[in-house]
């Protein structure tokens, strides 16, 4: 078995799907389908009930091709929070669930949750214009 650390996770071992070879710098390993392997790892992570660790969150974020700032914006948070979750491994349950849902949506080719989160992020970042009218019954929000 090969201990695969190229994904950033310490607990991944390969039974097959790789070839060992010699390089000028020593022994090397070639993975036959790295993208497929990473997808299998990610699907395993999102499909199991344990809370995501910081390194697992980082792995999924990278598989989603998001920076810490991009993921934070989607979650209505800041990049420092995402960095802290990844570093300490204390991922809030709501963030854990949302990242799992986002990954599933992207992999399954649906964009429902991704579009919803992006729309909500844009709405939240816009300054709302509040308009009120003075009526006979007091102040009321105007349409």
C-alpha atoms as a PDB file:
ATOM      1  CA  UNK A   1       0.000   0.000   0.000  1.00  0.00           C
ATOM      2  CA  UNK A   2       1.061   3.556  -0.678  1.00  0.00           C
ATOM      3  CA  UNK A   3       0.601   6.303   1.933  1.00  0.00           C
ATOM      4  CA  UNK A   4      -0.760   9.146  -0.220  1.00  0.00           C
ATOM      5  CA  UNK A   5      -0.091  12.566   1.290  1.00  0.00           C
ATOM      6  CA  UNK A   6      -0.365  14.619  -1.904  1.00  0.00           C
ATOM      7  CA  UNK A   7      -3.923  15.611  -1.019  1.00  0.00           C
ATOM      8  CA  UNK A   8      -2.928  17.147   2.315  1.00  0.00           C
ATOM      9  CA  UNK A   9      -4.651  14.459   4.380  1.00  0.00           C
ATOM     10  CA  UNK A  10      -2.575  12.144   6.568  1.00  0.00           C
ATOM     11  CA  UNK A  11      -4.878   9.130   6.581  1.00  0.00           C
ATOM     12  CA  UNK A  12      -5.150   8.194   2.878  1.00  0.00           C
ATOM     13  CA  UNK A  13      -3.664   4.902   1.683  1.00  0.00           C
ATOM     14  CA  UNK A  14      -3.855   3.454  -1.829  1.00  0.00           C
ATOM     15  CA  UNK A  15      -4.151  -0.273  -2.516  1.00  0.00           C
ATOM     16  CA  UNK A  16      -3.940   0.194  -6.279  1.00  0.00           C
ATOM     17  CA  UNK A  17      -4.054   2.854  -8.974  1.00  0.00           C
ATOM     18  CA  UNK A  18      -0.415   3.877  -8.672  1.00  0.00           C
ATOM     19  CA  UNK A  19       2.966   2.895 -10.072  1.00  0.00           C
ATOM     20  CA  UNK A  20       6.346   3.120  -8.380  1.00  0.00           C
ATOM     21  CA  UNK A  21       9.323   4.180 -10.497  1.00  0.00           C
ATOM     22  CA  UNK A  22      12.885   5.403 -10.163  1.00  0.00           C
ATOM     23  CA  UNK A  23      13.779   9.062 -10.642  1.00  0.00           C
ATOM     24  CA  UNK A  24      17.128  10.865 -10.516  1.00  0.00           C
ATOM     25  CA  UNK A  25      16.061  12.025  -7.041  1.00  0.00           C
ATOM     26  CA  UNK A  26      15.038   8.612  -5.695  1.00  0.00           C
ATOM     27  CA  UNK A  27      11.867   6.538  -5.720  1.00  0.00           C
ATOM     28  CA  UNK A  28       8.781   8.145  -7.228  1.00  0.00           C
ATOM     29  CA  UNK A  29       5.092   7.309  -7.429  1.00  0.00           C
ATOM     30  CA  UNK A  30       2.729   8.066 -10.292  1.00  0.00           C
ATOM     31  CA  UNK A  31      -1.006   8.138  -9.549  1.00  0.00           C
ATOM     32  CA  UNK A  32      -3.078   6.909 -12.493  1.00  0.00           C
ATOM     33  CA  UNK A  33      -6.106   9.224 -12.030  1.00  0.00           C
ATOM     34  CA  UNK A  34      -5.472  11.938  -9.451  1.00  0.00           C
ATOM     35  CA  UNK A  35      -8.700  13.829 -10.230  1.00  0.00           C
ATOM     36  CA  UNK A  36     -10.757  10.658  -9.816  1.00  0.00           C
ATOM     37  CA  UNK A  37      -8.928   9.809  -6.603  1.00  0.00           C
ATOM     38  CA  UNK A  38      -9.568  13.279  -5.176  1.00  0.00           C
ATOM     39  CA  UNK A  39     -13.247  13.063  -6.128  1.00  0.00           C
ATOM     40  CA  UNK A  40     -13.519   9.670  -4.376  1.00  0.00           C
ATOM     41  CA  UNK A  41     -11.838  11.073  -1.256  1.00  0.00           C
ATOM     42  CA  UNK A  42     -14.120  14.123  -1.237  1.00  0.00           C
ATOM     43  CA  UNK A  43     -17.289  12.068  -1.742  1.00  0.00           C
ATOM     44  CA  UNK A  44     -16.211   9.810   1.105  1.00  0.00           C
ATOM     45  CA  UNK A  45     -15.697  12.848   3.361  1.00  0.00           C
ATOM     46  CA  UNK A  46     -19.050  14.475   2.559  1.00  0.00           C
ATOM     47  CA  UNK A  47     -20.892  11.174   2.882  1.00  0.00           C
ATOM     48  CA  UNK A  48     -19.734  10.262   6.376  1.00  0.00           C
ATOM     49  CA  UNK A  49     -21.193  11.553   9.601  1.00  0.00           C
ATOM     50  CA  UNK A  50     -18.060  12.593  11.479  1.00  0.00           C
ATOM     51  CA  UNK A  51     -17.457  16.329  11.780  1.00  0.00           C
ATOM     52  CA  UNK A  52     -14.951  17.609   9.223  1.00  0.00           C
ATOM     53  CA  UNK A  53     -11.460  18.304  10.510  1.00  0.00           C
ATOM     54  CA  UNK A  54      -9.625  21.449   9.476  1.00  0.00           C
ATOM     55  CA  UNK A  55      -7.505  19.582   6.929  1.00  0.00           C
ATOM     56  CA  UNK A  56     -10.611  17.921   5.486  1.00  0.00           C
ATOM     57  CA  UNK A  57     -12.320  21.318   5.179  1.00  0.00           C
ATOM     58  CA  UNK A  58      -9.205  22.668   3.408  1.00  0.00           C
ATOM     59  CA  UNK A  59      -9.196  19.666   1.060  1.00  0.00           C
ATOM     60  CA  UNK A  60     -12.872  20.182   0.124  1.00  0.00           C
ATOM     61  CA  UNK A  61     -12.372  23.939  -0.299  1.00  0.00           C
ATOM     62  CA  UNK A  62      -9.483  23.322  -2.664  1.00  0.00           C
ATOM     63  CA  UNK A  63     -11.491  20.717  -4.574  1.00  0.00           C
ATOM     64  CA  UNK A  64     -14.179  23.384  -4.982  1.00  0.00           C
ATOM     65  CA  UNK A  65     -11.401  25.663  -6.299  1.00  0.00           C
ATOM     66  CA  UNK A  66     -12.229  28.348  -3.733  1.00  0.00           C
ATOM     67  CA  UNK A  67      -9.900  30.593  -1.790  1.00  0.00           C
ATOM     68  CA  UNK A  68     -10.489  31.083   1.913  1.00  0.00           C
ATOM     69  CA  UNK A  69     -11.928  34.517   1.119  1.00  0.00           C
ATOM     70  CA  UNK A  70     -14.298  33.117  -1.528  1.00  0.00           C
ATOM     71  CA  UNK A  71     -15.591  30.381   0.762  1.00  0.00           C
ATOM     72  CA  UNK A  72     -15.949  32.875   3.597  1.00  0.00           C
ATOM     73  CA  UNK A  73     -17.989  35.219   1.384  1.00  0.00           C
ATOM     74  CA  UNK A  74     -20.282  32.355   0.389  1.00  0.00           C
ATOM     75  CA  UNK A  75     -20.781  31.477   4.062  1.00  0.00           C
ATOM     76  CA  UNK A  76     -21.308  35.091   5.135  1.00  0.00           C
ATOM     77  CA  UNK A  77     -18.107  35.087   7.147  1.00  0.00           C
ATOM     78  CA  UNK A  78     -14.550  36.399   6.831  1.00  0.00           C
ATOM     79  CA  UNK A  79     -11.417  34.729   5.491  1.00  0.00           C
ATOM     80  CA  UNK A  80      -9.772  34.776   8.929  1.00  0.00           C
ATOM     81  CA  UNK A  81     -12.559  32.571  10.284  1.00  0.00           C
ATOM     82  CA  UNK A  82     -12.061  29.998   7.522  1.00  0.00           C
ATOM     83  CA  UNK A  83      -8.291  30.095   8.109  1.00  0.00           C
ATOM     84  CA  UNK A  84      -8.860  29.533  11.829  1.00  0.00           C
ATOM     85  CA  UNK A  85     -11.231  26.599  11.216  1.00  0.00           C
ATOM     86  CA  UNK A  86      -8.676  24.995   8.911  1.00  0.00           C
ATOM     87  CA  UNK A  87      -5.820  25.586  11.356  1.00  0.00           C
ATOM     88  CA  UNK A  88      -7.516  24.547  14.597  1.00  0.00           C
ATOM     89  CA  UNK A  89      -9.866  21.928  13.187  1.00  0.00           C
ATOM     90  CA  UNK A  90     -12.852  23.452  14.981  1.00  0.00           C
ATOM     91  CA  UNK A  91     -15.288  23.773  12.088  1.00  0.00           C
ATOM     92  CA  UNK A  92     -18.734  25.026  13.139  1.00  0.00           C
ATOM     93  CA  UNK A  93     -21.470  22.518  12.420  1.00  0.00           C
ATOM     94  CA  UNK A  94     -23.337  24.900  10.102  1.00  0.00           C
ATOM     95  CA  UNK A  95     -20.170  25.532   8.040  1.00  0.00           C
ATOM     96  CA  UNK A  96     -19.455  21.787   7.918  1.00  0.00           C
ATOM     97  CA  UNK A  97     -22.947  21.075   6.578  1.00  0.00           C
ATOM     98  CA  UNK A  98     -22.854  23.920   4.052  1.00  0.00           C
ATOM     99  CA  UNK A  99     -19.467  22.896   2.609  1.00  0.00           C
ATOM    100  CA  UNK A 100     -20.703  19.304   2.252  1.00  0.00           C
ATOM    101  CA  UNK A 101     -23.845  20.525   0.457  1.00  0.00           C
ATOM    102  CA  UNK A 102     -21.841  22.852  -1.817  1.00  0.00           C
ATOM    103  CA  UNK A 103     -19.475  20.046  -2.807  1.00  0.00           C
ATOM    104  CA  UNK A 104     -22.336  17.657  -3.567  1.00  0.00           C
ATOM    105  CA  UNK A 105     -24.085  20.267  -5.696  1.00  0.00           C
ATOM    106  CA  UNK A 106     -20.950  20.981  -7.721  1.00  0.00           C
ATOM    107  CA  UNK A 107     -20.110  17.293  -8.266  1.00  0.00           C
ATOM    108  CA  UNK A 108     -23.665  16.305  -9.169  1.00  0.00           C
ATOM    109  CA  UNK A 109     -23.869  19.094 -11.746  1.00  0.00           C
ATOM    110  CA  UNK A 110     -26.654  20.984 -10.035  1.00  0.00           C
ATOM    111  CA  UNK A 111     -26.202  24.565  -9.008  1.00  0.00           C
ATOM    112  CA  UNK A 112     -29.232  25.146  -6.788  1.00  0.00           C
ATOM    113  CA  UNK A 113     -27.425  25.605  -3.493  1.00  0.00           C
ATOM    114  CA  UNK A 114     -24.418  27.322  -5.076  1.00  0.00           C
ATOM    115  CA  UNK A 115     -26.654  29.861  -6.853  1.00  0.00           C
ATOM    116  CA  UNK A 116     -28.737  30.410  -3.725  1.00  0.00           C
ATOM    117  CA  UNK A 117     -25.677  31.030  -1.557  1.00  0.00           C
ATOM    118  CA  UNK A 118     -24.174  33.383  -4.148  1.00  0.00           C
ATOM    119  CA  UNK A 119     -27.445  35.340  -4.425  1.00  0.00           C
ATOM    120  CA  UNK A 120     -27.738  35.593  -0.642  1.00  0.00           C
ATOM    121  CA  UNK A 121     -24.127  36.778  -0.401  1.00  0.00           C
ATOM    122  CA  UNK A 122     -24.807  39.537  -2.946  1.00  0.00           C
ATOM    123  CA  UNK A 123     -28.013  40.609  -1.209  1.00  0.00           C
ATOM    124  CA  UNK A 124     -26.265  40.735   2.146  1.00  0.00           C
ATOM    125  CA  UNK A 125     -23.392  42.819   0.780  1.00  0.00           C
ATOM    126  CA  UNK A 126     -25.662  45.422  -0.817  1.00  0.00           C
ATOM    127  CA  UNK A 127     -26.794  48.344   1.299  1.00  0.00           C
ATOM    128  CA  UNK A 128     -30.546  48.151   1.520  1.00  0.00           C
ATOM    129  CA  UNK A 129     -32.483  51.310   0.762  1.00  0.00           C
ATOM    130  CA  UNK A 130     -35.229  51.682   3.326  1.00  0.00           C
ATOM    131  CA  UNK A 131     -38.111  53.962   2.404  1.00  0.00           C
ATOM    132  CA  UNK A 132     -40.830  55.077   4.839  1.00  0.00           C
ATOM    133  CA  UNK A 133     -43.967  57.145   4.495  1.00  0.00           C
ATOM    134  CA  UNK A 134     -45.779  59.110   7.155  1.00  0.00           C
ATOM    135  CA  UNK A 135     -49.418  57.991   7.015  1.00  0.00           C
ATOM    136  CA  UNK A 136     -52.535  58.760   9.039  1.00  0.00           C
ATOM    137  CA  UNK A 137     -51.722  55.669  11.136  1.00  0.00           C
ATOM    138  CA  UNK A 138     -48.073  56.560  11.686  1.00  0.00           C
ATOM    139  CA  UNK A 139     -44.874  55.728   9.825  1.00  0.00           C
ATOM    140  CA  UNK A 140     -45.002  52.717   7.470  1.00  0.00           C
ATOM    141  CA  UNK A 141     -42.435  51.056   5.259  1.00  0.00           C
ATOM    142  CA  UNK A 142     -43.057  52.028   1.652  1.00  0.00           C
ATOM    143  CA  UNK A 143     -42.737  49.563  -1.213  1.00  0.00           C
END
